[in-house]
């Protein structure tokens, strides 16, 4: 089956961190958006990072840089914006990220009773990133953020997303879980 993008990655656990260098190649005949960016707004400005969301599922650590379906929210807060990079046909993006060990799942809340949590070794890593054909989301808007050209995606972009997945076995990785 033809995939519109190819993901390659090298992981290593060292100095208390899980480090990853990766590349995403556009194999599609048209430009694609790569969902591998998030924005941190701090007092010193906006920072762009490539850290994926961490999950623990069935004996594997899942690192996800894909768009999730929006949650139904009846509040009056502004909806979150999703951003992506644009890759032209045959173009390759090279990136990297580092995550502190033990990995902490994004939805994990530290329990009051510390006996409920423990650290386990987990060698299986699944890295997922989302890619979206540019023609699928014609309402995406290019913006310069922190000196970088990023594309703000419409709220329905997740419906056009294709997931690109890579599995790896990495020694020395640990994750916090509950008992």
N, C-alpha and C. Protein backbone atom coordinates (compact mmCIF):
# COMPACT_ATOMS: atom_id res chain seq x y z
N UNK A 1 0.84 -1.18 0.00
CA UNK A 1 0.00 0.00 0.00
C UNK A 1 0.89 1.25 0.00
N UNK A 2 0.60 2.19 -0.87
CA UNK A 2 1.38 3.41 -1.00
C UNK A 2 1.10 4.36 0.16
N UNK A 3 2.15 4.84 0.78
CA UNK A 3 2.01 5.86 1.83
C UNK A 3 2.52 7.17 1.27
N UNK A 4 1.83 8.26 1.61
CA UNK A 4 2.22 9.56 1.05
C UNK A 4 3.47 10.12 1.71
N UNK A 5 3.88 9.54 2.84
CA UNK A 5 5.10 10.00 3.50
C UNK A 5 5.82 8.81 4.11
N UNK A 6 7.14 8.94 4.23
CA UNK A 6 7.94 7.90 4.86
C UNK A 6 8.61 8.49 6.09
N UNK A 7 8.47 7.81 7.22
CA UNK A 7 9.04 8.24 8.48
C UNK A 7 10.19 7.31 8.85
N UNK A 8 11.35 7.88 9.15
CA UNK A 8 12.48 7.11 9.68
C UNK A 8 12.92 7.79 10.96
N UNK A 9 13.42 7.00 11.91
CA UNK A 9 13.82 7.58 13.19
C UNK A 9 14.87 6.71 13.86
N UNK A 10 15.71 7.36 14.65
CA UNK A 10 16.68 6.67 15.50
C UNK A 10 16.45 7.16 16.92
N UNK A 11 16.22 6.22 17.84
CA UNK A 11 16.01 6.53 19.24
C UNK A 11 17.20 6.05 20.05
N UNK A 12 17.48 6.75 21.13
CA UNK A 12 18.49 6.30 22.09
C UNK A 12 18.17 6.88 23.47
N UNK A 13 18.36 6.06 24.48
CA UNK A 13 18.18 6.51 25.86
C UNK A 13 19.57 6.81 26.41
N UNK A 14 19.78 8.06 26.82
CA UNK A 14 21.09 8.44 27.35
C UNK A 14 20.94 9.65 28.26
N UNK A 15 21.74 9.69 29.30
CA UNK A 15 21.79 10.82 30.23
C UNK A 15 20.41 11.21 30.75
N UNK A 16 19.57 10.21 31.04
CA UNK A 16 18.25 10.49 31.60
C UNK A 16 17.23 11.02 30.62
N UNK A 17 17.51 10.88 29.32
CA UNK A 17 16.59 11.37 28.29
C UNK A 17 16.40 10.32 27.20
N UNK A 18 15.23 10.36 26.58
CA UNK A 18 15.00 9.61 25.35
C UNK A 18 15.19 10.60 24.22
N UNK A 19 16.18 10.37 23.38
CA UNK A 19 16.48 11.28 22.28
C UNK A 19 16.07 10.62 20.96
N UNK A 20 15.56 11.46 20.06
CA UNK A 20 15.14 10.95 18.76
C UNK A 20 15.56 11.92 17.67
N UNK A 21 16.18 11.39 16.63
CA UNK A 21 16.40 12.14 15.40
C UNK A 21 15.56 11.43 14.34
N UNK A 22 14.84 12.20 13.56
CA UNK A 22 13.92 11.58 12.62
C UNK A 22 13.88 12.37 11.32
N UNK A 23 13.32 11.74 10.30
CA UNK A 23 13.08 12.44 9.04
C UNK A 23 11.75 11.96 8.47
N UNK A 24 11.09 12.89 7.79
CA UNK A 24 9.83 12.60 7.12
C UNK A 24 10.01 13.01 5.66
N UNK A 25 9.80 12.06 4.75
CA UNK A 25 9.96 12.33 3.32
C UNK A 25 8.58 12.35 2.67
N UNK A 26 8.34 13.38 1.87
CA UNK A 26 7.09 13.48 1.11
C UNK A 26 7.21 12.61 -0.13
N UNK A 27 6.39 11.56 -0.21
CA UNK A 27 6.39 10.66 -1.37
C UNK A 27 5.19 10.93 -2.27
N UNK A 28 4.41 11.94 -1.91
CA UNK A 28 3.19 12.30 -2.64
C UNK A 28 3.56 13.21 -3.81
N UNK A 29 2.73 13.24 -4.83
CA UNK A 29 2.98 14.10 -6.00
C UNK A 29 2.66 15.57 -5.73
N UNK A 30 2.06 15.84 -4.58
CA UNK A 30 1.67 17.21 -4.22
C UNK A 30 2.20 17.54 -2.83
N UNK A 31 2.20 18.82 -2.45
CA UNK A 31 2.65 19.18 -1.10
C UNK A 31 1.78 18.54 -0.02
N UNK A 32 2.41 18.28 1.13
CA UNK A 32 1.68 17.75 2.29
C UNK A 32 2.01 18.60 3.51
N UNK A 33 1.07 18.63 4.45
CA UNK A 33 1.32 19.23 5.75
C UNK A 33 1.79 18.13 6.68
N UNK A 34 2.83 18.43 7.47
CA UNK A 34 3.34 17.49 8.47
C UNK A 34 3.00 18.06 9.84
N UNK A 35 2.26 17.29 10.61
CA UNK A 35 1.79 17.74 11.93
C UNK A 35 2.84 17.33 12.97
N UNK A 36 3.93 18.08 13.04
CA UNK A 36 4.99 17.75 14.00
C UNK A 36 5.43 18.97 14.80
N UNK A 37 4.56 19.96 14.93
CA UNK A 37 4.93 21.16 15.68
C UNK A 37 3.85 21.49 16.71
N UNK A 38 4.30 22.10 17.78
CA UNK A 38 3.41 22.66 18.79
C UNK A 38 4.02 23.97 19.25
N UNK A 39 3.20 24.85 19.74
CA UNK A 39 3.67 26.17 20.18
C UNK A 39 3.56 26.28 21.69
N UNK A 40 4.60 26.82 22.29
CA UNK A 40 4.59 27.18 23.71
C UNK A 40 4.66 28.69 23.79
N UNK A 41 3.68 29.30 24.43
CA UNK A 41 3.69 30.74 24.61
C UNK A 41 4.21 31.01 26.02
N UNK A 42 5.34 31.71 26.10
CA UNK A 42 5.97 32.02 27.39
C UNK A 42 6.16 33.52 27.50
N UNK A 43 6.64 33.93 28.65
CA UNK A 43 6.84 35.37 28.88
C UNK A 43 7.88 35.95 27.93
N UNK A 44 8.82 35.12 27.45
CA UNK A 44 9.86 35.62 26.53
C UNK A 44 9.49 35.40 25.07
N UNK A 45 8.24 35.03 24.79
CA UNK A 45 7.79 34.89 23.41
C UNK A 45 7.27 33.49 23.10
N UNK A 46 7.06 33.26 21.82
CA UNK A 46 6.53 31.97 21.35
C UNK A 46 7.70 31.07 20.99
N UNK A 47 7.63 29.83 21.43
CA UNK A 47 8.65 28.83 21.12
C UNK A 47 8.00 27.68 20.36
N UNK A 48 8.66 27.23 19.31
CA UNK A 48 8.18 26.10 18.52
C UNK A 48 8.92 24.86 18.99
N UNK A 49 8.20 23.78 19.24
CA UNK A 49 8.87 22.54 19.62
C UNK A 49 8.28 21.37 18.85
N UNK A 50 9.01 20.27 18.87
CA UNK A 50 8.61 19.06 18.14
C UNK A 50 8.33 17.91 19.09
N UNK A 51 8.17 18.20 20.38
CA UNK A 51 7.92 17.12 21.35
C UNK A 51 6.56 16.48 21.10
N UNK A 52 6.53 15.18 20.92
CA UNK A 52 5.24 14.51 20.74
C UNK A 52 4.54 14.29 22.08
N UNK A 53 3.28 13.95 22.01
CA UNK A 53 2.51 13.58 23.19
C UNK A 53 2.87 12.14 23.55
N UNK A 54 3.04 11.87 24.84
CA UNK A 54 3.42 10.54 25.32
C UNK A 54 2.17 9.82 25.84
N UNK A 55 2.01 8.58 25.42
CA UNK A 55 0.95 7.71 25.93
C UNK A 55 1.57 6.35 26.26
N UNK A 56 0.93 5.61 27.14
CA UNK A 56 1.35 4.24 27.41
C UNK A 56 0.16 3.35 27.10
N UNK A 57 0.34 2.43 26.13
CA UNK A 57 -0.75 1.55 25.70
C UNK A 57 -0.26 0.12 25.54
N UNK A 58 -0.86 -0.78 26.26
CA UNK A 58 -0.63 -2.22 26.08
C UNK A 58 0.85 -2.60 25.91
N UNK A 59 1.68 -2.17 26.81
CA UNK A 59 3.08 -2.56 26.77
C UNK A 59 3.96 -1.77 25.84
N UNK A 60 3.44 -0.70 25.26
CA UNK A 60 4.23 0.15 24.36
C UNK A 60 4.10 1.61 24.76
N UNK A 61 5.17 2.34 24.57
CA UNK A 61 5.12 3.80 24.68
C UNK A 61 4.76 4.32 23.30
N UNK A 62 3.72 5.13 23.24
CA UNK A 62 3.29 5.71 21.97
C UNK A 62 3.63 7.20 22.00
N UNK A 63 4.41 7.64 21.03
CA UNK A 63 4.76 9.05 20.88
C UNK A 63 3.99 9.56 19.67
N UNK A 64 3.09 10.50 19.90
CA UNK A 64 2.19 10.93 18.83
C UNK A 64 2.32 12.41 18.53
N UNK A 65 2.51 12.71 17.25
CA UNK A 65 2.51 14.09 16.76
C UNK A 65 1.35 14.29 15.80
N UNK A 66 0.29 13.55 15.99
CA UNK A 66 -0.85 13.62 15.08
C UNK A 66 -1.96 14.48 15.68
N UNK A 67 -2.86 14.94 14.82
CA UNK A 67 -4.01 15.71 15.28
C UNK A 67 -5.04 14.78 15.89
N UNK A 68 -5.62 15.23 16.97
CA UNK A 68 -6.71 14.48 17.58
C UNK A 68 -8.03 15.14 17.20
N UNK A 69 -9.08 14.36 17.23
CA UNK A 69 -10.40 14.94 16.98
C UNK A 69 -10.70 15.95 18.08
N UNK A 70 -11.30 17.08 17.75
CA UNK A 70 -11.58 18.08 18.78
C UNK A 70 -12.59 17.56 19.79
N UNK A 71 -12.39 17.98 21.05
CA UNK A 71 -13.32 17.60 22.10
C UNK A 71 -14.54 18.51 22.02
N UNK A 72 -15.67 17.96 22.37
CA UNK A 72 -16.88 18.79 22.45
C UNK A 72 -16.72 19.68 23.67
N UNK A 73 -16.76 20.96 23.44
CA UNK A 73 -16.53 21.92 24.51
C UNK A 73 -17.61 22.99 24.44
N UNK A 74 -18.32 23.14 25.52
CA UNK A 74 -19.39 24.14 25.54
C UNK A 74 -18.95 25.43 26.22
N UNK A 75 -17.67 25.52 26.53
CA UNK A 75 -17.18 26.74 27.18
C UNK A 75 -17.00 27.84 26.14
N UNK A 76 -16.68 29.02 26.62
CA UNK A 76 -16.50 30.16 25.72
C UNK A 76 -15.03 30.42 25.42
N UNK A 77 -14.18 29.45 25.69
CA UNK A 77 -12.77 29.64 25.41
C UNK A 77 -12.52 29.52 23.91
N UNK A 78 -11.44 30.14 23.47
CA UNK A 78 -11.08 30.06 22.05
C UNK A 78 -10.63 28.63 21.74
N UNK A 79 -11.01 28.09 20.60
CA UNK A 79 -10.59 26.72 20.27
C UNK A 79 -9.08 26.68 20.02
N UNK A 80 -8.43 25.56 20.36
CA UNK A 80 -7.00 25.46 20.11
C UNK A 80 -6.73 25.45 18.61
N UNK A 81 -5.58 25.96 18.24
CA UNK A 81 -5.18 25.98 16.83
C UNK A 81 -4.13 24.90 16.61
N UNK A 82 -4.19 24.27 15.47
CA UNK A 82 -3.20 23.27 15.09
C UNK A 82 -2.32 23.86 14.00
N UNK A 83 -1.04 23.57 14.10
CA UNK A 83 -0.08 24.07 13.13
C UNK A 83 0.69 22.91 12.50
N UNK A 84 1.21 23.15 11.31
CA UNK A 84 1.96 22.12 10.59
C UNK A 84 3.01 22.79 9.71
N UNK A 85 3.95 21.96 9.26
CA UNK A 85 4.93 22.40 8.26
C UNK A 85 4.46 21.92 6.90
N UNK A 86 4.84 22.65 5.87
CA UNK A 86 4.50 22.25 4.50
C UNK A 86 5.74 21.61 3.87
N UNK A 87 5.56 20.41 3.34
CA UNK A 87 6.64 19.71 2.63
C UNK A 87 6.25 19.59 1.16
N UNK A 88 7.10 20.09 0.31
CA UNK A 88 6.89 19.97 -1.14
C UNK A 88 7.16 18.52 -1.56
N UNK A 89 6.72 18.12 -2.76
CA UNK A 89 7.00 16.76 -3.24
C UNK A 89 8.50 16.46 -3.21
N UNK A 90 8.83 15.27 -2.75
CA UNK A 90 10.21 14.77 -2.64
C UNK A 90 11.05 15.50 -1.59
N UNK A 91 10.49 16.47 -0.91
CA UNK A 91 11.23 17.18 0.15
C UNK A 91 11.27 16.31 1.41
N UNK A 92 12.35 16.46 2.19
CA UNK A 92 12.53 15.71 3.43
C UNK A 92 12.72 16.70 4.58
N UNK A 93 12.01 16.47 5.68
CA UNK A 93 12.18 17.27 6.89
C UNK A 93 12.99 16.45 7.88
N UNK A 94 14.05 17.06 8.46
CA UNK A 94 14.86 16.41 9.49
C UNK A 94 14.58 17.11 10.80
N UNK A 95 14.25 16.35 11.82
CA UNK A 95 13.94 16.94 13.12
C UNK A 95 14.50 16.11 14.25
N UNK A 96 14.34 16.62 15.45
CA UNK A 96 14.78 15.89 16.64
C UNK A 96 13.99 16.37 17.84
N UNK A 97 13.94 15.54 18.84
CA UNK A 97 13.34 15.91 20.12
C UNK A 97 13.98 15.09 21.22
N UNK A 98 13.79 15.55 22.45
CA UNK A 98 14.31 14.88 23.62
C UNK A 98 13.23 14.91 24.69
N UNK A 99 13.01 13.77 25.34
CA UNK A 99 12.03 13.65 26.41
C UNK A 99 12.70 13.12 27.66
N UNK A 100 12.41 13.72 28.79
CA UNK A 100 13.00 13.32 30.07
C UNK A 100 12.47 11.95 30.49
N UNK A 101 13.37 11.11 31.00
CA UNK A 101 13.00 9.80 31.52
C UNK A 101 12.85 9.88 33.04
N UNK A 102 11.93 9.18 33.65
CA UNK A 102 10.95 8.33 33.00
C UNK A 102 9.92 9.16 32.24
N UNK A 103 9.39 8.59 31.16
CA UNK A 103 8.36 9.27 30.39
C UNK A 103 7.08 9.36 31.22
N UNK A 104 6.38 10.48 31.08
CA UNK A 104 5.14 10.69 31.81
C UNK A 104 4.01 10.85 30.79
N UNK A 105 3.04 9.94 30.78
CA UNK A 105 1.92 10.07 29.83
C UNK A 105 1.22 11.41 29.99
N UNK A 106 0.75 11.98 28.87
CA UNK A 106 0.19 13.33 28.86
C UNK A 106 -1.05 13.47 29.74
N UNK A 107 -1.83 12.43 29.90
CA UNK A 107 -3.05 12.53 30.69
C UNK A 107 -2.88 11.97 32.10
N UNK A 108 -1.65 11.76 32.49
CA UNK A 108 -1.36 11.17 33.78
C UNK A 108 -1.32 12.25 34.83
N UNK A 109 -2.08 12.08 35.89
CA UNK A 109 -2.08 13.02 37.00
C UNK A 109 -1.46 12.31 38.19
N UNK A 110 -0.49 12.96 38.82
CA UNK A 110 0.20 12.33 39.94
C UNK A 110 -0.80 12.05 41.06
N UNK A 111 -0.91 10.80 41.48
CA UNK A 111 -1.85 10.46 42.54
C UNK A 111 -1.38 11.00 43.89
N UNK A 112 -2.33 11.17 44.79
CA UNK A 112 -2.00 11.63 46.15
C UNK A 112 -1.16 10.58 46.87
N UNK A 113 -1.47 9.33 46.65
CA UNK A 113 -0.76 8.23 47.29
C UNK A 113 0.35 7.76 46.34
N UNK A 114 1.60 8.01 46.71
CA UNK A 114 2.71 7.67 45.82
C UNK A 114 2.86 6.16 45.62
N UNK A 115 2.20 5.33 46.47
CA UNK A 115 2.26 3.89 46.27
C UNK A 115 1.48 3.48 45.02
N UNK A 116 0.62 4.35 44.52
CA UNK A 116 -0.16 4.03 43.33
C UNK A 116 0.64 4.15 42.04
N UNK A 117 1.78 4.81 42.10
CA UNK A 117 2.56 4.99 40.88
C UNK A 117 3.85 4.19 40.94
N UNK A 118 4.29 3.77 39.79
CA UNK A 118 5.59 3.12 39.72
C UNK A 118 6.16 3.30 38.32
N UNK A 119 7.44 3.06 38.25
CA UNK A 119 8.18 3.21 37.00
C UNK A 119 8.43 1.82 36.44
N UNK A 120 8.13 1.63 35.16
CA UNK A 120 8.39 0.34 34.54
C UNK A 120 9.26 0.54 33.31
N UNK A 121 10.01 -0.49 32.99
CA UNK A 121 10.82 -0.46 31.78
C UNK A 121 9.93 -0.80 30.59
N UNK A 122 10.12 -0.10 29.50
CA UNK A 122 9.31 -0.34 28.30
C UNK A 122 10.19 -0.16 27.07
N UNK A 123 10.52 -1.24 26.41
CA UNK A 123 11.42 -1.20 25.26
C UNK A 123 10.72 -0.87 23.95
N UNK A 124 9.40 -1.08 23.89
CA UNK A 124 8.66 -0.91 22.64
C UNK A 124 8.19 0.53 22.48
N UNK A 125 8.59 1.14 21.37
CA UNK A 125 8.20 2.52 21.08
C UNK A 125 7.46 2.53 19.75
N UNK A 126 6.36 3.25 19.72
CA UNK A 126 5.63 3.49 18.48
C UNK A 126 5.59 5.00 18.28
N UNK A 127 6.15 5.47 17.17
CA UNK A 127 6.16 6.90 16.88
C UNK A 127 5.18 7.15 15.73
N UNK A 128 4.24 8.04 15.96
CA UNK A 128 3.20 8.33 14.97
C UNK A 128 3.21 9.82 14.67
N UNK A 129 3.15 10.15 13.40
CA UNK A 129 2.98 11.55 13.02
C UNK A 129 1.88 11.62 11.96
N UNK A 130 1.21 12.74 11.93
CA UNK A 130 0.13 12.94 10.97
C UNK A 130 0.60 13.73 9.77
N UNK A 131 0.12 13.35 8.60
CA UNK A 131 0.37 14.11 7.37
C UNK A 131 -0.96 14.33 6.67
N UNK A 132 -1.08 15.48 6.03
CA UNK A 132 -2.33 15.85 5.39
C UNK A 132 -2.03 16.40 3.99
N UNK A 133 -2.61 15.84 2.95
CA UNK A 133 -2.41 16.42 1.61
C UNK A 133 -2.89 17.88 1.60
N UNK A 134 -2.08 18.76 1.05
CA UNK A 134 -2.42 20.18 1.06
C UNK A 134 -3.77 20.45 0.39
N UNK A 135 -4.06 19.73 -0.69
CA UNK A 135 -5.31 19.99 -1.40
C UNK A 135 -6.54 19.63 -0.56
N UNK A 136 -6.36 18.85 0.51
CA UNK A 136 -7.49 18.47 1.37
C UNK A 136 -7.94 19.58 2.29
N UNK A 137 -7.04 20.51 2.58
CA UNK A 137 -7.36 21.59 3.53
C UNK A 137 -6.97 22.93 2.91
N UNK A 138 -7.73 23.33 1.92
CA UNK A 138 -7.40 24.55 1.17
C UNK A 138 -7.53 25.82 2.02
N UNK A 139 -8.18 25.73 3.17
CA UNK A 139 -8.34 26.92 4.01
C UNK A 139 -7.20 27.10 5.01
N UNK A 140 -6.14 26.29 4.93
CA UNK A 140 -4.98 26.47 5.80
C UNK A 140 -4.33 27.82 5.49
N UNK A 141 -3.82 28.46 6.54
CA UNK A 141 -3.26 29.81 6.40
C UNK A 141 -1.80 29.79 6.83
N UNK A 142 -0.91 30.32 5.97
CA UNK A 142 0.51 30.42 6.30
C UNK A 142 0.73 31.61 7.21
N UNK A 143 1.48 31.38 8.30
CA UNK A 143 1.81 32.45 9.24
C UNK A 143 3.29 32.34 9.60
N UNK A 144 3.90 33.48 9.85
CA UNK A 144 5.27 33.48 10.35
C UNK A 144 5.20 33.55 11.87
N UNK A 145 5.68 32.49 12.51
CA UNK A 145 5.66 32.41 13.97
C UNK A 145 7.09 32.16 14.44
N UNK A 146 7.57 33.04 15.28
CA UNK A 146 8.94 32.95 15.79
C UNK A 146 9.94 32.81 14.64
N UNK A 147 9.67 33.51 13.54
CA UNK A 147 10.56 33.50 12.39
C UNK A 147 10.47 32.26 11.51
N UNK A 148 9.48 31.42 11.75
CA UNK A 148 9.32 30.19 11.00
C UNK A 148 7.97 30.19 10.29
N UNK A 149 7.96 29.77 9.03
CA UNK A 149 6.70 29.67 8.28
C UNK A 149 5.97 28.40 8.71
N UNK A 150 4.83 28.58 9.36
CA UNK A 150 3.97 27.47 9.77
C UNK A 150 2.58 27.69 9.19
N UNK A 151 1.85 26.62 9.05
CA UNK A 151 0.49 26.68 8.50
C UNK A 151 -0.51 26.39 9.60
N UNK A 152 -1.44 27.32 9.81
CA UNK A 152 -2.53 27.12 10.77
C UNK A 152 -3.61 26.32 10.06
N UNK A 153 -3.93 25.18 10.62
CA UNK A 153 -4.87 24.27 9.99
C UNK A 153 -6.30 24.53 10.47
N UNK A 154 -7.28 24.29 9.61
CA UNK A 154 -8.68 24.44 10.04
C UNK A 154 -9.05 23.34 11.04
N UNK A 155 -10.11 23.57 11.79
CA UNK A 155 -10.49 22.63 12.85
C UNK A 155 -10.87 21.24 12.33
N UNK A 156 -11.26 21.13 11.06
CA UNK A 156 -11.62 19.82 10.53
C UNK A 156 -10.46 19.10 9.84
N UNK A 157 -9.25 19.63 9.96
CA UNK A 157 -8.09 19.03 9.28
C UNK A 157 -7.84 17.59 9.70
N UNK A 158 -8.15 17.26 10.95
CA UNK A 158 -7.90 15.90 11.44
C UNK A 158 -8.63 14.85 10.60
N UNK A 159 -9.74 15.23 9.97
CA UNK A 159 -10.52 14.28 9.16
C UNK A 159 -9.78 13.87 7.88
N UNK A 160 -8.80 14.67 7.46
CA UNK A 160 -8.06 14.40 6.22
C UNK A 160 -6.68 13.81 6.50
N UNK A 161 -6.37 13.62 7.74
CA UNK A 161 -5.05 13.20 8.17
C UNK A 161 -4.80 11.72 7.88
N UNK A 162 -3.58 11.43 7.43
CA UNK A 162 -3.09 10.06 7.28
C UNK A 162 -2.03 9.88 8.36
N UNK A 163 -2.04 8.74 9.02
CA UNK A 163 -1.05 8.49 10.07
C UNK A 163 0.11 7.69 9.50
N UNK A 164 1.31 8.14 9.83
CA UNK A 164 2.53 7.45 9.43
C UNK A 164 3.16 6.94 10.72
N UNK A 165 3.46 5.65 10.77
CA UNK A 165 3.88 5.02 12.02
C UNK A 165 5.20 4.30 11.87
N UNK A 166 5.98 4.33 12.94
CA UNK A 166 7.26 3.63 12.98
C UNK A 166 7.36 2.92 14.33
N UNK A 167 7.80 1.67 14.32
CA UNK A 167 7.98 0.91 15.56
C UNK A 167 9.46 0.69 15.78
N UNK A 168 9.87 0.79 17.06
CA UNK A 168 11.28 0.60 17.40
C UNK A 168 11.38 -0.09 18.75
N UNK A 169 12.50 -0.75 18.96
CA UNK A 169 12.82 -1.33 20.26
C UNK A 169 14.02 -0.57 20.79
N UNK A 170 13.87 0.02 21.98
CA UNK A 170 14.92 0.87 22.54
C UNK A 170 15.18 0.42 23.98
N UNK A 171 16.42 0.14 24.29
CA UNK A 171 16.80 -0.25 25.65
C UNK A 171 16.89 0.99 26.54
N UNK A 172 16.59 0.82 27.82
CA UNK A 172 16.80 1.89 28.80
C UNK A 172 15.68 2.91 28.89
N UNK A 173 14.50 2.60 28.34
CA UNK A 173 13.37 3.53 28.40
C UNK A 173 12.44 3.10 29.52
N UNK A 174 12.01 4.07 30.32
CA UNK A 174 11.06 3.79 31.39
C UNK A 174 9.91 4.78 31.32
N UNK A 175 8.77 4.34 31.88
CA UNK A 175 7.56 5.16 31.85
C UNK A 175 6.86 5.03 33.20
N UNK A 176 6.22 6.11 33.65
CA UNK A 176 5.45 6.06 34.89
C UNK A 176 4.07 5.48 34.60
N UNK A 177 3.63 4.58 35.47
CA UNK A 177 2.29 4.01 35.35
C UNK A 177 1.67 3.95 36.73
N UNK A 178 0.38 3.63 36.76
CA UNK A 178 -0.33 3.45 38.03
C UNK A 178 -0.53 1.97 38.29
N UNK A 179 -0.64 1.63 39.55
CA UNK A 179 -0.92 0.23 39.90
C UNK A 179 -2.41 0.02 40.03
